[in-house]
Amino acid sequence: MNESPELSQIPEAPEAAPPGLIALSEQEKARLAEALQELLSHGSILGLEAGRSALYHWCRQNFEWLREAAALVGLDVSLLHEERMVQALPRVAALRLNLRQDATLVWLALWYAGDVRWRDEGEAQAFLSVSELNALLKDQLVPDAVGLLSKGRLLQILRQAARFNLIRFSLAEPFEESGIEVLPTIRRVIPFRDLAAWSGSAAAFREPDGVEAPVETEEEES
């Protein structure tokens, strides 16, 4: 059956734009790009940090857009409003950190320090000094190790943890008096359910029969 000439000349109605990222204004796209860059660089957006409050609230109000865009670059994001933060975890291996053994050891100790303050002592915040961290490493994780990490290497590891918003770090002189605040973000990066689960991982750093634990050290930075 032939179409009517009049009907064949009527243009089809354009399809409605699907909901989602395509509907964002240029201003919203700029905000979304800022949020993704922050998550890729630092792993989280801390709403209580100076200069991050507005970005956090934008993410909270537009969380579905953020989740959709984050999935495209291989991230799972969570909104943790009680702690005023957005946190991202990698979905793909290319985005995961391959920590050296000594860095893993320090991050385990930081998790433990935070858990003790929050869960056992009922503190809202978890503070310790580098001296206390060294004592924790020696007493709880590697009691048989002859030496601890060098100052330079420990400083590198702490700065990396600070870069990924796992701690706040205040360098002081002497170095052992430098301040550390463990942040709640560490609970999901190192996701132990409880101290018993932590102990299982910590045991990997304790060699049997008195053999020294393999703690890596480096020369101090100049």
C-alpha atoms as a PDB file:
ATOM      1  CA  MET A   1       0.000   0.000   0.000  1.00  0.00           C
ATOM      2  CA  ASN A   2       1.443   3.340  -1.086  1.00  0.00           C
ATOM      3  CA  GLU A   3       1.826   6.118   1.459  1.00  0.00           C
ATOM      4  CA  SER A   4      -0.081   9.299   0.985  1.00  0.00           C
ATOM      5  CA  PRO A   5       2.229  11.961  -0.473  1.00  0.00           C
ATOM      6  CA  GLU A   6       1.154  14.359   2.227  1.00  0.00           C
ATOM      7  CA  LEU A   7       1.982  11.922   5.060  1.00  0.00           C
ATOM      8  CA  SER A   8       5.383  10.944   3.631  1.00  0.00           C
ATOM      9  CA  GLN A   9       6.488  14.568   3.789  1.00  0.00           C
ATOM     10  CA  ILE A  10       5.692  14.967   7.500  1.00  0.00           C
ATOM     11  CA  PRO A  11       8.975  14.791   9.475  1.00  0.00           C
ATOM     12  CA  GLU A  12       9.200  12.344  12.339  1.00  0.00           C
ATOM     13  CA  ALA A  13       9.010  13.842  15.821  1.00  0.00           C
ATOM     14  CA  PRO A  14      12.436  13.923  17.477  1.00  0.00           C
ATOM     15  CA  GLU A  15      12.997  11.380  20.210  1.00  0.00           C
ATOM     16  CA  ALA A  16      12.869  12.728  23.735  1.00  0.00           C
ATOM     17  CA  ALA A  17      16.317  13.036  25.296  1.00  0.00           C
ATOM     18  CA  PRO A  18      16.841  10.210  27.781  1.00  0.00           C
ATOM     19  CA  PRO A  19      17.194  11.263  31.417  1.00  0.00           C
ATOM     20  CA  GLY A  20      20.612  11.252  32.974  1.00  0.00           C
ATOM     21  CA  LEU A  21      23.946  12.852  32.231  1.00  0.00           C
ATOM     22  CA  ILE A  22      22.921  14.149  28.824  1.00  0.00           C
ATOM     23  CA  ALA A  23      20.512  16.544  30.525  1.00  0.00           C
ATOM     24  CA  LEU A  24      23.190  18.338  32.556  1.00  0.00           C
ATOM     25  CA  SER A  25      23.819  22.028  32.046  1.00  0.00           C
ATOM     26  CA  GLU A  26      27.354  23.226  31.388  1.00  0.00           C
ATOM     27  CA  GLN A  27      27.607  24.420  34.987  1.00  0.00           C
ATOM     28  CA  GLU A  28      26.492  21.034  36.300  1.00  0.00           C
ATOM     29  CA  LYS A  29      28.941  19.247  34.009  1.00  0.00           C
ATOM     30  CA  ALA A  30      31.754  21.387  35.412  1.00  0.00           C
ATOM     31  CA  ARG A  31      30.724  20.468  38.960  1.00  0.00           C
ATOM     32  CA  LEU A  32      30.504  16.790  38.051  1.00  0.00           C
ATOM     33  CA  ALA A  33      33.962  16.899  36.474  1.00  0.00           C
ATOM     34  CA  GLU A  34      35.342  18.541  39.623  1.00  0.00           C
ATOM     35  CA  ALA A  35      33.788  15.813  41.799  1.00  0.00           C
ATOM     36  CA  LEU A  36      35.169  12.986  39.632  1.00  0.00           C
ATOM     37  CA  GLN A  37      38.648  14.514  39.597  1.00  0.00           C
ATOM     38  CA  GLU A  38      38.576  14.827  43.384  1.00  0.00           C
ATOM     39  CA  LEU A  39      37.493  11.201  43.798  1.00  0.00           C
ATOM     40  CA  LEU A  40      40.123   9.912  41.380  1.00  0.00           C
ATOM     41  CA  SER A  41      42.874  11.959  43.041  1.00  0.00           C
ATOM     42  CA  HIS A  42      41.941  11.568  46.704  1.00  0.00           C
ATOM     43  CA  GLY A  43      39.385   8.765  46.960  1.00  0.00           C
ATOM     44  CA  SER A  44      36.792  10.863  48.767  1.00  0.00           C
ATOM     45  CA  ILE A  45      35.220  14.284  49.176  1.00  0.00           C
ATOM     46  CA  LEU A  46      35.185  15.432  52.796  1.00  0.00           C
ATOM     47  CA  GLY A  47      32.342  17.852  53.404  1.00  0.00           C
ATOM     48  CA  LEU A  48      33.861  19.081  56.664  1.00  0.00           C
ATOM     49  CA  GLU A  49      37.118  20.096  54.965  1.00  0.00           C
ATOM     50  CA  ALA A  50      37.630  23.774  54.188  1.00  0.00           C
ATOM     51  CA  GLY A  51      36.780  24.421  50.555  1.00  0.00           C
ATOM     52  CA  ARG A  52      34.968  21.100  50.034  1.00  0.00           C
ATOM     53  CA  SER A  53      31.621  21.789  51.690  1.00  0.00           C
ATOM     54  CA  ALA A  54      29.932  23.195  48.551  1.00  0.00           C
ATOM     55  CA  LEU A  55      31.171  20.306  46.389  1.00  0.00           C
ATOM     56  CA  TYR A  56      29.990  17.756  48.945  1.00  0.00           C
ATOM     57  CA  HIS A  57      26.503  19.291  49.057  1.00  0.00           C
ATOM     58  CA  TRP A  58      26.339  19.335  45.242  1.00  0.00           C
ATOM     59  CA  CYS A  59      27.236  15.638  45.220  1.00  0.00           C
ATOM     60  CA  ARG A  60      24.586  14.914  47.823  1.00  0.00           C
ATOM     61  CA  GLN A  61      21.884  16.725  45.838  1.00  0.00           C
ATOM     62  CA  ASN A  62      22.923  15.142  42.529  1.00  0.00           C
ATOM     63  CA  PHE A  63      24.123  11.763  43.708  1.00  0.00           C
ATOM     64  CA  GLU A  64      22.539   9.714  40.900  1.00  0.00           C
ATOM     65  CA  TRP A  65      24.414  11.753  38.306  1.00  0.00           C
ATOM     66  CA  LEU A  66      27.626  11.247  40.247  1.00  0.00           C
ATOM     67  CA  ARG A  67      27.061   7.503  40.609  1.00  0.00           C
ATOM     68  CA  GLU A  68      26.342   7.115  36.887  1.00  0.00           C
ATOM     69  CA  ALA A  69      29.438   9.057  35.847  1.00  0.00           C
ATOM     70  CA  ALA A  70      31.672   7.323  38.406  1.00  0.00           C
ATOM     71  CA  ALA A  71      30.618   3.912  37.091  1.00  0.00           C
ATOM     72  CA  LEU A  72      31.832   4.936  33.624  1.00  0.00           C
ATOM     73  CA  VAL A  73      35.362   5.468  34.963  1.00  0.00           C
ATOM     74  CA  GLY A  74      35.396   2.334  37.112  1.00  0.00           C
ATOM     75  CA  LEU A  75      34.393   3.664  40.541  1.00  0.00           C
ATOM     76  CA  ASP A  76      31.714   2.721  43.047  1.00  0.00           C
ATOM     77  CA  VAL A  77      30.655   5.713  45.127  1.00  0.00           C
ATOM     78  CA  SER A  78      28.872   5.889  48.458  1.00  0.00           C
ATOM     79  CA  LEU A  79      27.244   8.836  50.187  1.00  0.00           C
ATOM     80  CA  LEU A  80      27.957   8.750  53.921  1.00  0.00           C
ATOM     81  CA  HIS A  81      25.994  11.729  55.161  1.00  0.00           C
ATOM     82  CA  GLU A  82      26.437  11.063  58.855  1.00  0.00           C
ATOM     83  CA  GLU A  83      30.170  11.547  58.322  1.00  0.00           C
ATOM     84  CA  ARG A  84      29.647  14.252  55.668  1.00  0.00           C
ATOM     85  CA  MET A  85      31.612  12.532  52.938  1.00  0.00           C
ATOM     86  CA  VAL A  86      31.412  10.909  49.541  1.00  0.00           C
ATOM     87  CA  GLN A  87      33.793   7.974  49.125  1.00  0.00           C
ATOM     88  CA  ALA A  88      34.842   6.089  46.009  1.00  0.00           C
ATOM     89  CA  LEU A  89      36.232   2.584  45.746  1.00  0.00           C
ATOM     90  CA  PRO A  90      37.720   1.103  42.547  1.00  0.00           C
ATOM     91  CA  ARG A  91      35.732  -1.443  40.562  1.00  0.00           C
ATOM     92  CA  VAL A  92      38.610  -2.234  38.196  1.00  0.00           C
ATOM     93  CA  ALA A  93      42.117  -3.482  38.945  1.00  0.00           C
ATOM     94  CA  ALA A  94      43.771  -0.595  37.083  1.00  0.00           C
ATOM     95  CA  LEU A  95      42.545   1.871  39.701  1.00  0.00           C
ATOM     96  CA  ARG A  96      43.633  -0.143  42.735  1.00  0.00           C
ATOM     97  CA  LEU A  97      46.762   0.743  44.679  1.00  0.00           C
ATOM     98  CA  ASN A  98      49.463  -1.900  44.802  1.00  0.00           C
ATOM     99  CA  LEU A  99      50.914  -1.073  48.187  1.00  0.00           C
ATOM    100  CA  ARG A 100      54.313  -2.294  49.229  1.00  0.00           C
ATOM    101  CA  GLN A 101      54.405  -4.483  52.274  1.00  0.00           C
ATOM    102  CA  ASP A 102      55.671  -1.751  54.586  1.00  0.00           C
ATOM    103  CA  ALA A 103      52.898   0.645  53.513  1.00  0.00           C
ATOM    104  CA  THR A 104      50.300  -2.085  54.058  1.00  0.00           C
ATOM    105  CA  LEU A 105      51.719  -2.603  57.526  1.00  0.00           C
ATOM    106  CA  VAL A 106      51.391   1.086  58.424  1.00  0.00           C
ATOM    107  CA  TRP A 107      47.835   1.316  57.048  1.00  0.00           C
ATOM    108  CA  LEU A 108      46.883  -1.730  59.140  1.00  0.00           C
ATOM    109  CA  ALA A 109      48.276   0.017  62.208  1.00  0.00           C
ATOM    110  CA  LEU A 110      46.321   3.197  61.385  1.00  0.00           C
ATOM    111  CA  TRP A 111      43.112   1.154  61.046  1.00  0.00           C
ATOM    112  CA  TYR A 112      43.790  -0.423  64.432  1.00  0.00           C
ATOM    113  CA  ALA A 113      44.467   2.936  66.078  1.00  0.00           C
ATOM    114  CA  GLY A 114      41.220   4.343  64.701  1.00  0.00           C
ATOM    115  CA  ASP A 115      39.203   1.305  65.722  1.00  0.00           C
ATOM    116  CA  VAL A 116      40.512   1.451  69.291  1.00  0.00           C
ATOM    117  CA  ARG A 117      39.632   5.139  69.623  1.00  0.00           C
ATOM    118  CA  TRP A 118      36.191   4.873  68.005  1.00  0.00           C
ATOM    119  CA  ARG A 119      34.946   1.512  69.171  1.00  0.00           C
ATOM    120  CA  ASP A 120      36.764   0.735  72.422  1.00  0.00           C
ATOM    121  CA  GLU A 121      37.245   4.209  73.852  1.00  0.00           C
ATOM    122  CA  GLY A 122      34.104   5.795  72.394  1.00  0.00           C
ATOM    123  CA  GLU A 123      35.983   8.780  70.989  1.00  0.00           C
ATOM    124  CA  ALA A 124      34.545  10.798  68.105  1.00  0.00           C
ATOM    125  CA  GLN A 125      38.018  11.397  66.649  1.00  0.00           C
ATOM    126  CA  ALA A 126      41.149   9.270  66.522  1.00  0.00           C
ATOM    127  CA  PHE A 127      44.419  11.063  67.241  1.00  0.00           C
ATOM    128  CA  LEU A 128      47.922   9.692  67.744  1.00  0.00           C
ATOM    129  CA  SER A 129      51.516  10.782  67.280  1.00  0.00           C
ATOM    130  CA  VAL A 130      54.180   9.220  65.076  1.00  0.00           C
ATOM    131  CA  SER A 131      55.818   8.000  68.278  1.00  0.00           C
ATOM    132  CA  GLU A 132      52.596   6.204  69.257  1.00  0.00           C
ATOM    133  CA  LEU A 133      52.307   4.769  65.748  1.00  0.00           C
ATOM    134  CA  ASN A 134      55.839   3.384  65.963  1.00  0.00           C
ATOM    135  CA  ALA A 135      55.032   1.824  69.336  1.00  0.00           C
ATOM    136  CA  LEU A 136      51.899   0.270  67.873  1.00  0.00           C
ATOM    137  CA  LEU A 137      53.853  -1.202  64.969  1.00  0.00           C
ATOM    138  CA  LYS A 138      56.445  -2.635  67.328  1.00  0.00           C
ATOM    139  CA  ASP A 139      54.082  -3.924  70.028  1.00  0.00           C
ATOM    140  CA  GLN A 140      51.042  -5.085  68.036  1.00  0.00           C
ATOM    141  CA  LEU A 141      52.153  -5.908  64.495  1.00  0.00           C
ATOM    142  CA  VAL A 142      55.826  -6.835  64.297  1.00  0.00           C
ATOM    143  CA  PRO A 143      57.086  -7.399  67.857  1.00  0.00           C
ATOM    144  CA  ASP A 144      59.944  -9.575  66.571  1.00  0.00           C
ATOM    145  CA  ALA A 145      61.243  -7.092  64.015  1.00  0.00           C
ATOM    146  CA  VAL A 146      64.676  -5.670  64.797  1.00  0.00           C
ATOM    147  CA  GLY A 147      64.126  -2.265  63.229  1.00  0.00           C
ATOM    148  CA  LEU A 148      61.197  -0.101  62.309  1.00  0.00           C
ATOM    149  CA  LEU A 149      60.764   1.964  59.180  1.00  0.00           C
ATOM    150  CA  SER A 150      63.153   4.800  58.534  1.00  0.00           C
ATOM    151  CA  LYS A 151      61.900   8.326  59.092  1.00  0.00           C
ATOM    152  CA  GLY A 152      61.985   9.063  55.362  1.00  0.00           C
ATOM    153  CA  ARG A 153      59.995   5.990  54.358  1.00  0.00           C
ATOM    154  CA  LEU A 154      57.403   6.439  57.098  1.00  0.00           C
ATOM    155  CA  LEU A 155      56.954  10.053  56.047  1.00  0.00           C
ATOM    156  CA  GLN A 156      56.311   8.913  52.462  1.00  0.00           C
ATOM    157  CA  ILE A 157      53.685   6.403  53.611  1.00  0.00           C
ATOM    158  CA  LEU A 158      51.913   8.906  55.859  1.00  0.00           C
ATOM    159  CA  ARG A 159      51.839  11.524  53.113  1.00  0.00           C
ATOM    160  CA  GLN A 160      50.335   8.957  50.750  1.00  0.00           C
ATOM    161  CA  ALA A 161      47.660   8.113  53.336  1.00  0.00           C
ATOM    162  CA  ALA A 162      46.950  11.830  53.748  1.00  0.00           C
ATOM    163  CA  ARG A 163      46.694  12.280  49.988  1.00  0.00           C
ATOM    164  CA  PHE A 164      43.965   9.633  49.884  1.00  0.00           C
ATOM    165  CA  ASN A 165      42.097  11.222  52.813  1.00  0.00           C
ATOM    166  CA  LEU A 166      42.749   8.324  55.172  1.00  0.00           C
ATOM    167  CA  ILE A 167      44.450  10.576  57.704  1.00  0.00           C
ATOM    168  CA  ARG A 168      45.210  14.197  58.441  1.00  0.00           C
ATOM    169  CA  PHE A 169      48.925  14.620  59.031  1.00  0.00           C
ATOM    170  CA  SER A 170      50.721  17.518  60.740  1.00  0.00           C
ATOM    171  CA  LEU A 171      54.491  17.376  60.371  1.00  0.00           C
ATOM    172  CA  ALA A 172      56.410  18.519  63.460  1.00  0.00           C
ATOM    173  CA  GLU A 173      59.960  18.641  64.762  1.00  0.00           C
ATOM    174  CA  PRO A 174      61.041  16.256  66.096  1.00  0.00           C
ATOM    175  CA  PHE A 175      59.337  13.955  63.623  1.00  0.00           C
ATOM    176  CA  GLU A 176      58.138  11.598  66.358  1.00  0.00           C
ATOM    177  CA  GLU A 177      55.858  14.356  67.677  1.00  0.00           C
ATOM    178  CA  SER A 178      54.080  14.796  64.328  1.00  0.00           C
ATOM    179  CA  GLY A 179      50.317  14.497  64.677  1.00  0.00           C
ATOM    180  CA  ILE A 180      48.020  12.008  62.936  1.00  0.00           C
ATOM    181  CA  GLU A 181      44.233  12.001  62.863  1.00  0.00           C
ATOM    182  CA  VAL A 182      42.813   8.767  61.443  1.00  0.00           C
ATOM    183  CA  LEU A 183      39.724   9.490  59.328  1.00  0.00           C
ATOM    184  CA  PRO A 184      36.618   7.272  58.988  1.00  0.00           C
ATOM    185  CA  THR A 185      37.408   6.732  55.295  1.00  0.00           C
ATOM    186  CA  ILE A 186      39.917   4.065  56.349  1.00  0.00           C
ATOM    187  CA  ARG A 187      37.061   1.804  57.459  1.00  0.00           C
ATOM    188  CA  ARG A 188      36.027   1.144  53.863  1.00  0.00           C
ATOM    189  CA  VAL A 189      39.491   1.153  52.289  1.00  0.00           C
ATOM    190  CA  ILE A 190      40.579  -1.467  54.836  1.00  0.00           C
ATOM    191  CA  PRO A 191      37.167  -3.067  55.414  1.00  0.00           C
ATOM    192  CA  PHE A 192      37.571  -5.275  58.464  1.00  0.00           C
ATOM    193  CA  ARG A 193      34.367  -6.141  60.291  1.00  0.00           C
ATOM    194  CA  ASP A 194      36.068  -6.209  63.663  1.00  0.00           C
ATOM    195  CA  LEU A 195      39.377  -6.598  65.467  1.00  0.00           C
ATOM    196  CA  ALA A 196      39.367 -10.376  64.976  1.00  0.00           C
ATOM    197  CA  ALA A 197      39.370  -9.893  61.193  1.00  0.00           C
ATOM    198  CA  TRP A 198      42.177  -7.353  61.540  1.00  0.00           C
ATOM    199  CA  SER A 199      44.186  -9.794  63.644  1.00  0.00           C
ATOM    200  CA  GLY A 200      44.048 -12.382  60.866  1.00  0.00           C
ATOM    201  CA  SER A 201      45.677  -9.974  58.427  1.00  0.00           C
ATOM    202  CA  ALA A 202      48.140  -8.679  60.986  1.00  0.00           C
ATOM    203  CA  ALA A 203      49.300 -12.238  61.662  1.00  0.00           C
ATOM    204  CA  ALA A 204      50.723 -12.402  58.138  1.00  0.00           C
ATOM    205  CA  PHE A 205      53.462 -10.013  59.273  1.00  0.00           C
ATOM    206  CA  ARG A 206      54.536 -12.222  62.170  1.00  0.00           C
ATOM    207  CA  GLU A 207      56.890 -14.950  61.074  1.00  0.00           C
ATOM    208  CA  PRO A 208      56.905 -18.252  63.001  1.00  0.00           C
ATOM    209  CA  ASP A 209      59.787 -19.584  65.118  1.00  0.00           C
ATOM    210  CA  GLY A 210      61.195 -16.191  65.910  1.00  0.00           C
ATOM    211  CA  VAL A 211      62.130 -15.327  62.315  1.00  0.00           C
ATOM    212  CA  GLU A 212      62.182 -11.583  61.835  1.00  0.00           C
ATOM    213  CA  ALA A 213      59.157 -10.087  60.122  1.00  0.00           C
ATOM    214  CA  PRO A 214      60.007  -8.820  56.625  1.00  0.00           C
ATOM    215  CA  VAL A 215      59.642  -5.063  57.157  1.00  0.00           C
ATOM    216  CA  GLU A 216      61.035  -3.071  54.254  1.00  0.00           C
ATOM    217  CA  THR A 217      63.124   0.015  54.988  1.00  0.00           C
ATOM    218  CA  GLU A 218      64.659   2.741  52.897  1.00  0.00           C
ATOM    219  CA  GLU A 219      67.260   5.403  53.441  1.00  0.00           C
ATOM    220  CA  GLU A 220      65.902   8.587  54.964  1.00  0.00           C
ATOM    221  CA  GLU A 221      65.078  11.437  52.632  1.00  0.00           C
ATOM    222  CA  SER A 222      67.492  14.303  52.674  1.00  0.00           C
END
